[in-house]
Amino acid sequence: MNIGMPEALVITAIASTIVIVVFPAGRICRRLGFPTWLGILAVLPIVNVLLLWYVAMAPWPSLTQAKP
């Protein structure tokens, strides 16, 4: 299989997006007590804003579990 320059650029762009956007968003969600897979939603154009609203307005499971 021969991979040309356009294909290599697409693969690089996808890998960069995962490293720059999805990985940090998943870690933030995990630290707040939400499922890590929600970080994938950060790359979808309108869904990312809804994700931010959901995380900002929902009660954070990590805080509600820490209360005595």
PDB file of N, CA and C in Angstrom:
ATOM      1  N   MET A   1       0.839  -1.164   0.000  1.00  0.00           N
ATOM      2  CA  MET A   1       0.000   0.000   0.000  1.00  0.00           C
ATOM      3  C   MET A   1       0.891   1.236   0.000  1.00  0.00           C
ATOM      4  N   ASN A   2       0.586   2.140  -0.894  1.00  0.00           N
ATOM      5  CA  ASN A   2       1.389   3.341  -1.042  1.00  0.00           C
ATOM      6  C   ASN A   2       0.592   4.535  -0.519  1.00  0.00           C
ATOM      7  N   ILE A   3       1.122   5.214   0.507  1.00  0.00           N
ATOM      8  CA  ILE A   3       0.459   6.383   1.070  1.00  0.00           C
ATOM      9  C   ILE A   3       1.138   7.621   0.514  1.00  0.00           C
ATOM     10  N   GLY A   4       0.331   8.469  -0.120  1.00  0.00           N
ATOM     11  CA  GLY A   4       0.858   9.700  -0.690  1.00  0.00           C
ATOM     12  C   GLY A   4       0.794  10.850   0.302  1.00  0.00           C
ATOM     13  N   MET A   5       1.174  12.015  -0.163  1.00  0.00           N
ATOM     14  CA  MET A   5       1.205  13.197   0.694  1.00  0.00           C
ATOM     15  C   MET A   5      -0.182  13.607   1.194  1.00  0.00           C
ATOM     16  N   PRO A   6      -1.236  13.609   0.366  1.00  0.00           N
ATOM     17  CA  PRO A   6      -2.554  13.995   0.888  1.00  0.00           C
ATOM     18  C   PRO A   6      -3.042  13.075   2.016  1.00  0.00           C
ATOM     19  N   GLU A   7      -2.830  11.785   1.853  1.00  0.00           N
ATOM     20  CA  GLU A   7      -3.253  10.846   2.885  1.00  0.00           C
ATOM     21  C   GLU A   7      -2.466  11.047   4.173  1.00  0.00           C
ATOM     22  N   ALA A   8      -1.185  11.303   4.043  1.00  0.00           N
ATOM     23  CA  ALA A   8      -0.340  11.538   5.216  1.00  0.00           C
ATOM     24  C   ALA A   8      -0.767  12.811   5.948  1.00  0.00           C
ATOM     25  N   LEU A   9      -1.163  13.838   5.212  1.00  0.00           N
ATOM     26  CA  LEU A   9      -1.636  15.067   5.827  1.00  0.00           C
ATOM     27  C   LEU A   9      -2.941  14.846   6.592  1.00  0.00           C
ATOM     28  N   VAL A  10      -3.841  14.043   6.027  1.00  0.00           N
ATOM     29  CA  VAL A  10      -5.109  13.747   6.700  1.00  0.00           C
ATOM     30  C   VAL A  10      -4.851  12.958   7.977  1.00  0.00           C
ATOM     31  N   ILE A  11      -3.989  11.971   7.906  1.00  0.00           N
ATOM     32  CA  ILE A  11      -3.660  11.173   9.097  1.00  0.00           C
ATOM     33  C   ILE A  11      -3.015  12.053  10.162  1.00  0.00           C
ATOM     34  N   THR A  12      -2.134  12.952   9.749  1.00  0.00           N
ATOM     35  CA  THR A  12      -1.492  13.871  10.691  1.00  0.00           C
ATOM     36  C   THR A  12      -2.511  14.817  11.315  1.00  0.00           C
ATOM     37  N   ALA A  13      -3.452  15.312  10.534  1.00  0.00           N
ATOM     38  CA  ALA A  13      -4.472  16.217  11.059  1.00  0.00           C
ATOM     39  C   ALA A  13      -5.370  15.506  12.073  1.00  0.00           C
ATOM     40  N   ILE A  14      -5.750  14.269  11.788  1.00  0.00           N
ATOM     41  CA  ILE A  14      -6.590  13.508  12.718  1.00  0.00           C
ATOM     42  C   ILE A  14      -5.836  13.222  14.004  1.00  0.00           C
ATOM     43  N   ALA A  15      -4.599  12.811  13.896  1.00  0.00           N
ATOM     44  CA  ALA A  15      -3.794  12.523  15.095  1.00  0.00           C
ATOM     45  C   ALA A  15      -3.576  13.790  15.917  1.00  0.00           C
ATOM     46  N   SER A  16      -3.343  14.915  15.262  1.00  0.00           N
ATOM     47  CA  SER A  16      -3.153  16.179  15.971  1.00  0.00           C
ATOM     48  C   SER A  16      -4.420  16.601  16.708  1.00  0.00           C
ATOM     49  N   THR A  17      -5.560  16.420  16.074  1.00  0.00           N
ATOM     50  CA  THR A  17      -6.834  16.759  16.705  1.00  0.00           C
ATOM     51  C   THR A  17      -7.071  15.910  17.937  1.00  0.00           C
ATOM     52  N   ILE A  18      -6.745  14.643  17.852  1.00  0.00           N
ATOM     53  CA  ILE A  18      -6.924  13.763  19.005  1.00  0.00           C
ATOM     54  C   ILE A  18      -6.034  14.205  20.155  1.00  0.00           C
ATOM     55  N   VAL A  19      -4.785  14.524  19.846  1.00  0.00           N
ATOM     56  CA  VAL A  19      -3.835  14.902  20.899  1.00  0.00           C
ATOM     57  C   VAL A  19      -4.170  16.274  21.482  1.00  0.00           C
ATOM     58  N   ILE A  20      -4.551  17.222  20.644  1.00  0.00           N
ATOM     59  CA  ILE A  20      -4.749  18.603  21.091  1.00  0.00           C
ATOM     60  C   ILE A  20      -6.127  18.828  21.703  1.00  0.00           C
ATOM     61  N   VAL A  21      -7.166  18.138  21.227  1.00  0.00           N
ATOM     62  CA  VAL A  21      -8.531  18.425  21.670  1.00  0.00           C
ATOM     63  C   VAL A  21      -9.138  17.291  22.491  1.00  0.00           C
ATOM     64  N   VAL A  22      -9.174  16.090  21.950  1.00  0.00           N
ATOM     65  CA  VAL A  22      -9.924  14.995  22.565  1.00  0.00           C
ATOM     66  C   VAL A  22      -9.275  14.532  23.873  1.00  0.00           C
ATOM     67  N   PHE A  23      -7.980  14.358  23.886  1.00  0.00           N
ATOM     68  CA  PHE A  23      -7.303  13.859  25.084  1.00  0.00           C
ATOM     69  C   PHE A  23      -7.487  14.794  26.281  1.00  0.00           C
ATOM     70  N   PRO A  24      -7.215  16.107  26.148  1.00  0.00           N
ATOM     71  CA  PRO A  24      -7.440  16.993  27.294  1.00  0.00           C
ATOM     72  C   PRO A  24      -8.909  17.079  27.721  1.00  0.00           C
ATOM     73  N   ALA A  25      -9.828  17.106  26.759  1.00  0.00           N
ATOM     74  CA  ALA A  25     -11.250  17.169  27.109  1.00  0.00           C
ATOM     75  C   ALA A  25     -11.677  15.914  27.865  1.00  0.00           C
ATOM     76  N   GLY A  26     -11.170  14.768  27.471  1.00  0.00           N
ATOM     77  CA  GLY A  26     -11.477  13.528  28.184  1.00  0.00           C
ATOM     78  C   GLY A  26     -10.925  13.528  29.594  1.00  0.00           C
ATOM     79  N   ARG A  27      -9.725  14.063  29.764  1.00  0.00           N
ATOM     80  CA  ARG A  27      -9.133  14.140  31.117  1.00  0.00           C
ATOM     81  C   ARG A  27      -9.910  15.099  32.012  1.00  0.00           C
ATOM     82  N   ILE A  28     -10.363  16.211  31.443  1.00  0.00           N
ATOM     83  CA  ILE A  28     -11.161  17.162  32.216  1.00  0.00           C
ATOM     84  C   ILE A  28     -12.465  16.506  32.655  1.00  0.00           C
ATOM     85  N   CYS A  29     -13.125  15.824  31.734  1.00  0.00           N
ATOM     86  CA  CYS A  29     -14.378  15.148  32.079  1.00  0.00           C
ATOM     87  C   CYS A  29     -14.147  14.095  33.165  1.00  0.00           C
ATOM     88  N   ARG A  30     -13.071  13.346  33.060  1.00  0.00           N
ATOM     89  CA  ARG A  30     -12.776  12.314  34.055  1.00  0.00           C
ATOM     90  C   ARG A  30     -12.518  12.929  35.427  1.00  0.00           C
ATOM     91  N   ARG A  31     -11.782  14.030  35.476  1.00  0.00           N
ATOM     92  CA  ARG A  31     -11.501  14.679  36.758  1.00  0.00           C
ATOM     93  C   ARG A  31     -12.750  15.252  37.405  1.00  0.00           C
ATOM     94  N   LEU A  32     -13.722  15.642  36.585  1.00  0.00           N
ATOM     95  CA  LEU A  32     -14.967  16.180  37.127  1.00  0.00           C
ATOM     96  C   LEU A  32     -15.941  15.080  37.513  1.00  0.00           C
ATOM     97  N   GLY A  33     -15.629  13.833  37.170  1.00  0.00           N
ATOM     98  CA  GLY A  33     -16.481  12.715  37.528  1.00  0.00           C
ATOM     99  C   GLY A  33     -17.407  12.263  36.416  1.00  0.00           C
ATOM    100  N   PHE A  34     -17.254  12.819  35.227  1.00  0.00           N
ATOM    101  CA  PHE A  34     -18.058  12.419  34.075  1.00  0.00           C
ATOM    102  C   PHE A  34     -17.309  11.343  33.291  1.00  0.00           C
ATOM    103  N   PRO A  35     -18.005  10.605  32.425  1.00  0.00           N
ATOM    104  CA  PRO A  35     -17.306   9.588  31.622  1.00  0.00           C
ATOM    105  C   PRO A  35     -16.255  10.215  30.701  1.00  0.00           C
ATOM    106  N   THR A  36     -15.138   9.528  30.550  1.00  0.00           N
ATOM    107  CA  THR A  36     -14.036  10.033  29.729  1.00  0.00           C
ATOM    108  C   THR A  36     -14.425  10.159  28.259  1.00  0.00           C
ATOM    109  N   TRP A  37     -15.310   9.293  27.775  1.00  0.00           N
ATOM    110  CA  TRP A  37     -15.675   9.310  26.355  1.00  0.00           C
ATOM    111  C   TRP A  37     -16.372  10.603  25.948  1.00  0.00           C
ATOM    112  N   LEU A  38     -16.832  11.403  26.902  1.00  0.00           N
ATOM    113  CA  LEU A  38     -17.441  12.684  26.544  1.00  0.00           C
ATOM    114  C   LEU A  38     -16.432  13.612  25.865  1.00  0.00           C
ATOM    115  N   GLY A  39     -15.152  13.369  26.048  1.00  0.00           N
ATOM    116  CA  GLY A  39     -14.126  14.174  25.393  1.00  0.00           C
ATOM    117  C   GLY A  39     -14.181  14.080  23.874  1.00  0.00           C
ATOM    118  N   ILE A  40     -14.694  12.984  23.367  1.00  0.00           N
ATOM    119  CA  ILE A  40     -14.830  12.827  21.912  1.00  0.00           C
ATOM    120  C   ILE A  40     -15.802  13.861  21.355  1.00  0.00           C
ATOM    121  N   LEU A  41     -16.790  14.248  22.150  1.00  0.00           N
ATOM    122  CA  LEU A  41     -17.786  15.209  21.687  1.00  0.00           C
ATOM    123  C   LEU A  41     -17.198  16.602  21.473  1.00  0.00           C
ATOM    124  N   ALA A  42     -15.999  16.845  21.970  1.00  0.00           N
ATOM    125  CA  ALA A  42     -15.376  18.159  21.837  1.00  0.00           C
ATOM    126  C   ALA A  42     -14.993  18.495  20.395  1.00  0.00           C
ATOM    127  N   VAL A  43     -14.942  17.531  19.512  1.00  0.00           N
ATOM    128  CA  VAL A  43     -14.563  17.811  18.122  1.00  0.00           C
ATOM    129  C   VAL A  43     -15.769  18.033  17.216  1.00  0.00           C
ATOM    130  N   LEU A  44     -16.965  17.801  17.715  1.00  0.00           N
ATOM    131  CA  LEU A  44     -18.161  18.010  16.906  1.00  0.00           C
ATOM    132  C   LEU A  44     -18.610  19.467  17.046  1.00  0.00           C
ATOM    133  N   PRO A  45     -18.841  20.153  15.926  1.00  0.00           N
ATOM    134  CA  PRO A  45     -19.023  21.606  15.953  1.00  0.00           C
ATOM    135  C   PRO A  45     -20.081  22.160  16.909  1.00  0.00           C
ATOM    136  N   ILE A  46     -21.283  21.671  16.927  1.00  0.00           N
ATOM    137  CA  ILE A  46     -22.298  22.247  17.802  1.00  0.00           C
ATOM    138  C   ILE A  46     -22.361  21.483  19.118  1.00  0.00           C
ATOM    139  N   VAL A  47     -22.038  20.232  19.067  1.00  0.00           N
ATOM    140  CA  VAL A  47     -22.101  19.388  20.254  1.00  0.00           C
ATOM    141  C   VAL A  47     -21.067  19.826  21.289  1.00  0.00           C
ATOM    142  N   ASN A  48     -19.938  20.382  20.853  1.00  0.00           N
ATOM    143  CA  ASN A  48     -18.925  20.818  21.813  1.00  0.00           C
ATOM    144  C   ASN A  48     -19.446  21.941  22.710  1.00  0.00           C
ATOM    145  N   VAL A  49     -20.246  22.833  22.166  1.00  0.00           N
ATOM    146  CA  VAL A  49     -20.835  23.899  22.981  1.00  0.00           C
ATOM    147  C   VAL A  49     -21.846  23.298  23.955  1.00  0.00           C
ATOM    148  N   LEU A  50     -22.635  22.333  23.498  1.00  0.00           N
ATOM    149  CA  LEU A  50     -23.584  21.666  24.385  1.00  0.00           C
ATOM    150  C   LEU A  50     -22.857  20.906  25.494  1.00  0.00           C
ATOM    151  N   LEU A  51     -21.724  20.310  25.160  1.00  0.00           N
ATOM    152  CA  LEU A  51     -20.915  19.623  26.171  1.00  0.00           C
ATOM    153  C   LEU A  51     -20.440  20.605  27.234  1.00  0.00           C
ATOM    154  N   LEU A  52     -19.958  21.764  26.823  1.00  0.00           N
ATOM    155  CA  LEU A  52     -19.518  22.764  27.786  1.00  0.00           C
ATOM    156  C   LEU A  52     -20.661  23.211  28.692  1.00  0.00           C
ATOM    157  N   TRP A  53     -21.840  23.423  28.114  1.00  0.00           N
ATOM    158  CA  TRP A  53     -23.000  23.800  28.918  1.00  0.00           C
ATOM    159  C   TRP A  53     -23.388  22.684  29.877  1.00  0.00           C
ATOM    160  N   TYR A  54     -23.347  21.469  29.417  1.00  0.00           N
ATOM    161  CA  TYR A  54     -23.698  20.329  30.270  1.00  0.00           C
ATOM    162  C   TYR A  54     -22.727  20.217  31.446  1.00  0.00           C
ATOM    163  N   VAL A  55     -21.454  20.305  31.165  1.00  0.00           N
ATOM    164  CA  VAL A  55     -20.448  20.177  32.222  1.00  0.00           C
ATOM    165  C   VAL A  55     -20.533  21.364  33.182  1.00  0.00           C
ATOM    166  N   ALA A  56     -20.810  22.545  32.673  1.00  0.00           N
ATOM    167  CA  ALA A  56     -20.876  23.729  33.533  1.00  0.00           C
ATOM    168  C   ALA A  56     -22.109  23.730  34.423  1.00  0.00           C
ATOM    169  N   MET A  57     -23.239  23.253  33.918  1.00  0.00           N
ATOM    170  CA  MET A  57     -24.498  23.368  34.660  1.00  0.00           C
ATOM    171  C   MET A  57     -24.871  22.131  35.468  1.00  0.00           C
ATOM    172  N   ALA A  58     -24.352  20.988  35.124  1.00  0.00           N
ATOM    173  CA  ALA A  58     -24.704  19.746  35.830  1.00  0.00           C
ATOM    174  C   ALA A  58     -23.968  19.684  37.166  1.00  0.00           C
ATOM    175  N   PRO A  59     -24.573  19.034  38.154  1.00  0.00           N
ATOM    176  CA  PRO A  59     -23.827  18.822  39.396  1.00  0.00           C
ATOM    177  C   PRO A  59     -22.668  17.868  39.141  1.00  0.00           C
ATOM    178  N   TRP A  60     -21.487  18.242  39.591  1.00  0.00           N
ATOM    179  CA  TRP A  60     -20.300  17.448  39.325  1.00  0.00           C
ATOM    180  C   TRP A  60     -20.267  16.243  40.265  1.00  0.00           C
ATOM    181  N   PRO A  61     -20.242  15.032  39.703  1.00  0.00           N
ATOM    182  CA  PRO A  61     -20.218  13.837  40.552  1.00  0.00           C
ATOM    183  C   PRO A  61     -19.015  13.802  41.490  1.00  0.00           C
ATOM    184  N   SER A  62     -17.878  14.328  41.090  1.00  0.00           N
ATOM    185  CA  SER A  62     -16.693  14.294  41.944  1.00  0.00           C
ATOM    186  C   SER A  62     -16.884  15.163  43.179  1.00  0.00           C
ATOM    187  N   LEU A  63     -17.645  16.237  43.079  1.00  0.00           N
ATOM    188  CA  LEU A  63     -17.891  17.095  44.238  1.00  0.00           C
ATOM    189  C   LEU A  63     -18.986  16.540  45.136  1.00  0.00           C
ATOM    190  N   THR A  64     -20.001  15.935  44.542  1.00  0.00           N
ATOM    191  CA  THR A  64     -21.105  15.406  45.365  1.00  0.00           C
ATOM    192  C   THR A  64     -20.664  14.157  46.123  1.00  0.00           C
ATOM    193  N   GLN A  65     -19.725  13.393  45.610  1.00  0.00           N
ATOM    194  CA  GLN A  65     -19.237  12.206  46.305  1.00  0.00           C
ATOM    195  C   GLN A  65     -18.254  12.568  47.413  1.00  0.00           C
ATOM    196  N   ALA A  66     -17.593  13.707  47.318  1.00  0.00           N
ATOM    197  CA  ALA A  66     -16.580  14.092  48.288  1.00  0.00           C
ATOM    198  C   ALA A  66     -17.174  14.675  49.569  1.00  0.00           C
ATOM    199  N   LYS A  67     -18.439  15.088  49.534  1.00  0.00           N
ATOM    200  CA  LYS A  67     -19.055  15.692  50.716  1.00  0.00           C
ATOM    201  C   LYS A  67     -19.336  14.626  51.772  1.00  0.00           C
ATOM    202  N   PRO A  68     -19.056  14.937  53.034  1.00  0.00           N
ATOM    203  CA  PRO A  68     -19.321  13.946  54.100  1.00  0.00           C
ATOM    204  C   PRO A  68     -20.778  13.898  54.486  1.00  0.00           C
TER     205      PRO A  68
END
